[in-house]
Protein backbone atom coordinates (compact mmCIF):
# COMPACT_ATOMS: atom_id res chain seq x y z
CA MET A 1 -95.82 -55.09 50.04
CA SER A 2 -96.44 -50.78 49.89
CA GLU A 3 -98.23 -49.26 47.71
CA LYS A 4 -96.18 -48.95 44.36
CA LYS A 5 -95.90 -45.46 43.52
CA LYS A 6 -93.93 -43.21 40.42
CA ILE A 7 -91.17 -41.18 41.63
CA LEU A 8 -89.62 -38.26 38.83
CA ILE A 9 -86.05 -37.66 39.63
CA ILE A 10 -84.84 -33.86 38.17
CA TYR A 11 -81.43 -33.99 38.32
CA ALA A 12 -78.70 -30.85 37.48
CA HIS A 13 -75.02 -31.79 38.28
CA PRO A 14 -72.59 -31.58 35.20
CA GLU A 15 -70.47 -34.49 37.04
CA PRO A 16 -71.63 -38.35 37.52
CA LYS A 17 -69.26 -38.85 39.92
CA SER A 18 -69.85 -35.97 42.41
CA PHE A 19 -71.62 -36.70 45.24
CA ASN A 20 -75.21 -35.42 43.90
CA GLY A 21 -74.16 -38.34 41.50
CA ALA A 22 -74.11 -40.40 44.76
CA LEU A 23 -77.44 -38.94 46.25
CA LEU A 24 -78.98 -39.85 42.64
CA ASN A 25 -77.85 -43.03 42.51
CA LYS A 26 -79.06 -44.33 46.33
CA ALA A 27 -81.95 -42.50 45.09
CA ILE A 28 -82.93 -45.18 42.00
CA GLU A 29 -81.57 -47.76 44.27
CA ILE A 30 -83.60 -47.52 47.36
CA PHE A 31 -86.69 -46.73 45.35
CA GLN A 32 -86.51 -49.66 42.72
CA ASN A 33 -85.51 -52.40 45.69
CA GLN A 34 -89.13 -51.09 47.37
CA GLU A 35 -90.29 -51.82 43.31
CA HIS A 36 -91.50 -48.13 42.69
CA GLU A 37 -91.28 -46.83 39.26
CA VAL A 38 -88.95 -44.32 38.33
CA LYS A 39 -87.64 -41.80 35.53
CA VAL A 40 -85.20 -39.60 35.91
CA SER A 41 -84.25 -35.94 33.86
CA ASP A 42 -80.57 -35.73 33.96
CA LEU A 43 -80.44 -32.67 32.35
CA TYR A 44 -76.77 -32.24 31.18
CA GLU A 45 -77.03 -35.59 29.97
CA MET A 46 -79.84 -34.14 27.91
CA ASN A 47 -78.11 -31.30 27.04
CA PHE A 48 -81.36 -29.13 28.38
CA GLN A 49 -81.70 -25.62 26.73
CA ALA A 50 -81.94 -23.66 29.55
CA VAL A 51 -83.51 -20.42 28.01
CA ALA A 52 -86.61 -19.71 26.77
CA THR A 53 -87.41 -18.77 23.82
CA LYS A 54 -90.12 -18.52 20.68
CA LYS A 55 -88.36 -21.82 18.94
CA ASP A 56 -90.11 -23.41 22.41
CA PHE A 57 -93.35 -23.08 20.58
CA THR A 58 -94.50 -25.05 17.44
CA SER A 59 -96.14 -22.04 16.72
CA LEU A 60 -96.60 -18.51 17.87
CA LYS A 61 -100.66 -16.94 18.50
CA ASN A 62 -99.17 -13.70 18.36
CA PRO A 63 -95.76 -13.96 16.07
CA GLU A 64 -95.55 -10.19 16.21
CA PHE A 65 -94.89 -9.74 20.21
CA PHE A 66 -93.86 -12.47 21.88
CA LYS A 67 -95.09 -13.36 25.23
CA MET A 68 -94.02 -16.39 27.17
CA GLN A 69 -97.29 -16.75 29.34
CA LEU A 70 -99.76 -16.43 26.42
CA GLU A 71 -97.59 -18.70 24.38
CA GLN A 72 -97.49 -21.63 27.02
CA ARG A 73 -101.40 -21.45 27.51
CA GLN A 74 -102.05 -22.40 24.28
CA ASN A 75 -100.35 -25.64 24.78
CA ASN A 76 -98.07 -25.94 21.76
CA MET A 77 -94.85 -26.52 22.95
CA ILE A 78 -92.19 -28.72 21.34
CA ASP A 79 -91.58 -32.02 22.32
CA GLU A 80 -88.41 -31.78 24.26
CA ILE A 81 -90.75 -29.48 26.93
CA LYS A 82 -94.26 -31.76 26.35
CA ASN A 83 -92.15 -34.95 27.30
CA GLU A 84 -91.22 -33.34 30.64
CA GLN A 85 -94.44 -31.87 31.40
CA LYS A 86 -95.87 -35.60 30.79
CA LYS A 87 -93.09 -36.94 33.07
CA VAL A 88 -94.72 -34.43 35.83
CA GLU A 89 -97.99 -35.39 35.05
CA TRP A 90 -96.95 -39.01 35.66
CA ALA A 91 -95.59 -38.74 39.08
CA ASP A 92 -96.47 -39.18 42.73
CA LEU A 93 -93.60 -37.48 43.52
CA VAL A 94 -91.22 -35.47 42.08
CA ILE A 95 -87.54 -34.91 43.64
CA PHE A 96 -84.84 -32.45 42.62
CA ILE A 97 -81.02 -32.95 43.23
CA PHE A 98 -78.75 -30.26 42.47
CA PRO A 99 -76.31 -28.38 44.65
CA LEU A 100 -76.38 -24.34 45.60
CA TRP A 101 -75.03 -22.34 43.31
CA TRP A 102 -74.69 -18.40 44.10
CA SER A 103 -77.43 -19.07 46.33
CA GLY A 104 -79.64 -20.55 43.89
CA LEU A 105 -80.23 -22.94 41.34
CA PRO A 106 -78.10 -24.10 38.79
CA ALA A 107 -78.72 -22.50 35.58
CA ILE A 108 -79.95 -25.18 33.69
CA LEU A 109 -82.42 -26.54 36.65
CA LYS A 110 -84.06 -23.07 36.68
CA GLY A 111 -84.07 -23.08 33.22
CA TRP A 112 -86.10 -26.26 32.98
CA PHE A 113 -88.60 -24.72 35.78
CA ASP A 114 -88.95 -21.73 32.93
CA ARG A 115 -89.59 -23.68 30.42
CA VAL A 116 -91.38 -26.80 31.87
CA PHE A 117 -93.62 -25.09 34.63
CA TYR A 118 -96.22 -22.56 33.50
CA GLN A 119 -99.39 -20.79 35.12
CA TRP A 120 -102.05 -24.05 34.92
CA PRO A 121 -105.58 -22.40 36.03
CA LYS A 122 -105.68 -23.10 39.50
CA LEU A 123 -103.02 -22.75 41.96
CA TYR A 124 -101.58 -23.16 45.36
CA ASP A 125 -103.82 -25.46 47.61
CA GLN A 126 -105.93 -25.34 44.41
CA GLY A 127 -103.04 -26.35 41.97
CA VAL A 128 -103.66 -28.71 39.27
CA PHE A 129 -100.79 -30.98 41.02
CA LYS A 130 -101.97 -30.74 45.09
CA GLU A 131 -102.10 -34.64 44.92
CA LYS A 132 -98.65 -34.52 44.16
CA LYS A 133 -95.22 -34.42 46.57
CA SER A 134 -92.28 -32.93 46.09
CA LEU A 135 -88.72 -32.78 47.69
CA LEU A 136 -85.44 -30.52 47.22
CA SER A 137 -82.09 -32.03 47.59
CA VAL A 138 -79.82 -29.58 48.12
CA SER A 139 -75.84 -29.83 48.62
CA THR A 140 -73.26 -26.57 50.02
CA GLY A 141 -69.89 -26.54 50.25
CA ALA A 142 -70.30 -24.30 53.25
CA PRO A 143 -71.35 -25.39 56.86
CA ARG A 144 -74.93 -25.48 58.26
CA SER A 145 -74.04 -22.76 60.86
CA LEU A 146 -73.75 -20.16 57.62
CA TYR A 147 -76.46 -20.55 56.68
CA THR A 148 -78.92 -19.93 59.54
CA GLU A 149 -80.75 -16.87 60.33
CA ARG A 150 -77.94 -14.89 61.79
CA GLY A 151 -75.13 -17.28 59.57
CA LEU A 152 -73.18 -15.11 56.50
CA ASN A 153 -75.13 -16.91 54.33
CA GLY A 154 -78.69 -16.32 55.29
CA ASN A 155 -81.17 -18.49 56.24
CA ILE A 156 -81.22 -21.46 53.52
CA SER A 157 -84.57 -21.92 53.74
CA LYS A 158 -85.49 -18.40 52.99
CA ILE A 159 -82.99 -18.68 50.44
CA LEU A 160 -85.09 -20.87 48.52
CA TYR A 161 -88.61 -19.86 49.21
CA SER A 162 -88.93 -19.12 45.86
CA ILE A 163 -88.54 -22.79 44.70
CA THR A 164 -90.01 -24.23 47.47
CA HIS A 165 -93.35 -22.08 47.28
CA GLY A 166 -92.98 -19.59 44.24
CA CYS A 167 -92.77 -22.93 41.76
CA LEU A 168 -93.85 -25.90 43.41
CA TYR A 169 -96.92 -24.84 46.07
CA PHE A 170 -97.81 -22.21 43.63
CA CYS A 171 -98.54 -25.16 41.09
CA GLY A 172 -100.09 -26.79 44.05
CA PHE A 173 -97.65 -29.67 45.11
CA GLN A 174 -97.36 -31.01 48.35
CA VAL A 175 -93.85 -29.83 49.47
CA LEU A 176 -92.14 -31.86 51.85
CA PRO A 177 -89.13 -30.56 53.85
CA THR A 178 -86.15 -30.04 52.30
CA SER A 179 -83.14 -32.34 52.12
CA TYR A 180 -80.09 -30.20 52.72
CA HIS A 181 -76.47 -31.30 52.74
CA TYR A 182 -73.72 -29.14 54.06
CA SER A 183 -70.19 -29.03 53.68
CA VAL A 184 -70.28 -32.19 51.26
CA GLY A 185 -66.96 -31.50 49.96
CA GLN A 186 -64.86 -31.11 53.31
CA SER A 187 -64.04 -34.64 53.69
CA GLU A 188 -65.20 -38.22 52.61
CA LYS A 189 -66.90 -38.76 56.16
CA ILE A 190 -69.17 -35.80 55.99
CA ALA A 191 -70.46 -36.85 52.78
CA GLU A 192 -70.80 -40.60 53.56
CA GLU A 193 -72.66 -38.97 56.54
CA CYS A 194 -74.73 -37.30 54.79
CA LEU A 195 -75.54 -40.07 52.56
CA LEU A 196 -76.48 -42.67 55.11
CA SER A 197 -78.99 -39.80 56.14
CA TRP A 198 -80.58 -39.23 53.22
CA GLU A 199 -80.91 -43.33 52.22
CA GLU A 200 -82.36 -43.19 55.48
CA ARG A 201 -85.15 -40.83 54.51
CA LEU A 202 -85.78 -42.27 51.32
CA LYS A 203 -86.91 -45.55 52.70
CA ASN A 204 -90.00 -44.01 54.49
CA ILE A 205 -90.25 -40.35 51.96
CA PHE A 206 -94.15 -41.79 51.02
CA ASP A 207 -94.92 -41.53 55.32
CA GLU A 208 -93.71 -38.17 55.19
CA LYS A 209 -96.18 -35.24 55.92
CA PRO A 210 -96.11 -31.99 53.92
CA LEU A 211 -95.23 -28.50 55.14
CA ASN A 212 -97.98 -26.68 56.04
CA PHE A 213 -98.55 -23.78 54.26
CA ASN A 214 -101.42 -21.39 54.36
CA GLY A 215 -104.64 -21.53 51.54
CA LEU A 216 -105.65 -19.08 49.44
CA LYS A 217 -108.75 -18.52 51.90
CA ASP A 218 -105.55 -17.58 54.30
CA TYR A 219 -105.14 -14.72 52.71
CA GLY A 220 -108.16 -12.69 51.56
CA GLU A 221 -109.14 -11.32 48.47
CA ARG A 222 -106.37 -9.47 48.33
CA GLY A 223 -103.63 -11.75 49.10
CA LEU A 224 -102.44 -10.31 52.46
CA SER A 225 -102.50 -12.79 55.21
CA GLN A 226 -105.47 -12.59 57.39
CA GLY A 227 -103.45 -12.76 61.08
CA LYS A 228 -101.81 -15.74 60.52
CA LYS A 229 -98.17 -16.24 60.57
CA THR A 230 -96.84 -15.84 56.27
CA ASP A 231 -95.53 -18.88 54.66
CA LEU A 232 -92.11 -17.22 54.25
CA GLU A 233 -92.81 -17.45 58.53
CA ILE A 234 -93.31 -20.49 58.62
CA ILE A 235 -90.40 -22.11 56.71
CA GLY A 236 -88.03 -19.82 58.31
CA GLU A 237 -88.70 -21.29 61.48
CA LEU A 238 -87.55 -24.83 59.78
CA LEU A 239 -83.90 -24.29 60.98
């Protein structure tokens, strides 16, 4: 038996019987069969508040002028947020399962990032989560061809760059290549094929290598690329 791992799944879809719901159930089944530990944050079921406000804190360092980043550094968040942060700290792998809505995250998931993530003292390849892996699972109604570099909707890897790089790698995560599930609402056959591909991938997910993003040293003191391909160029080539 391989080493037991701890997996946190952040699930953002309002319908349990949806294709995304099937992805969630399959992931739980696969990992439990392998005797890994699994925790799920079902954001809609939790009625997770998407909007960051002053109410996210038990007290304010500066009640006269609210600055989110300053208050987050005081570690005085309410239990709802602290509980999610503890789950992230606990996990070896964090998986995000969601549909692509308006070329981005469902609002409830964006709110999870806004409220749960914050600017830890070390970032990118030096980040506090550099020993953890992360994975996005994204479903679309449109076919793959529309999400290519020359497609109508644009390169989907670049669309999600603000999440894979700007949220996950920013906090140090090793980012695995995204699982894309295209055209899932068009036929049962397509959905079944996507679900089978998802199942096969998860069986060996801990053997996968993360994306080869640049480290801080590759960008120099001013944060500019030192002759190498930028991370956006790297991820844009995945299609």
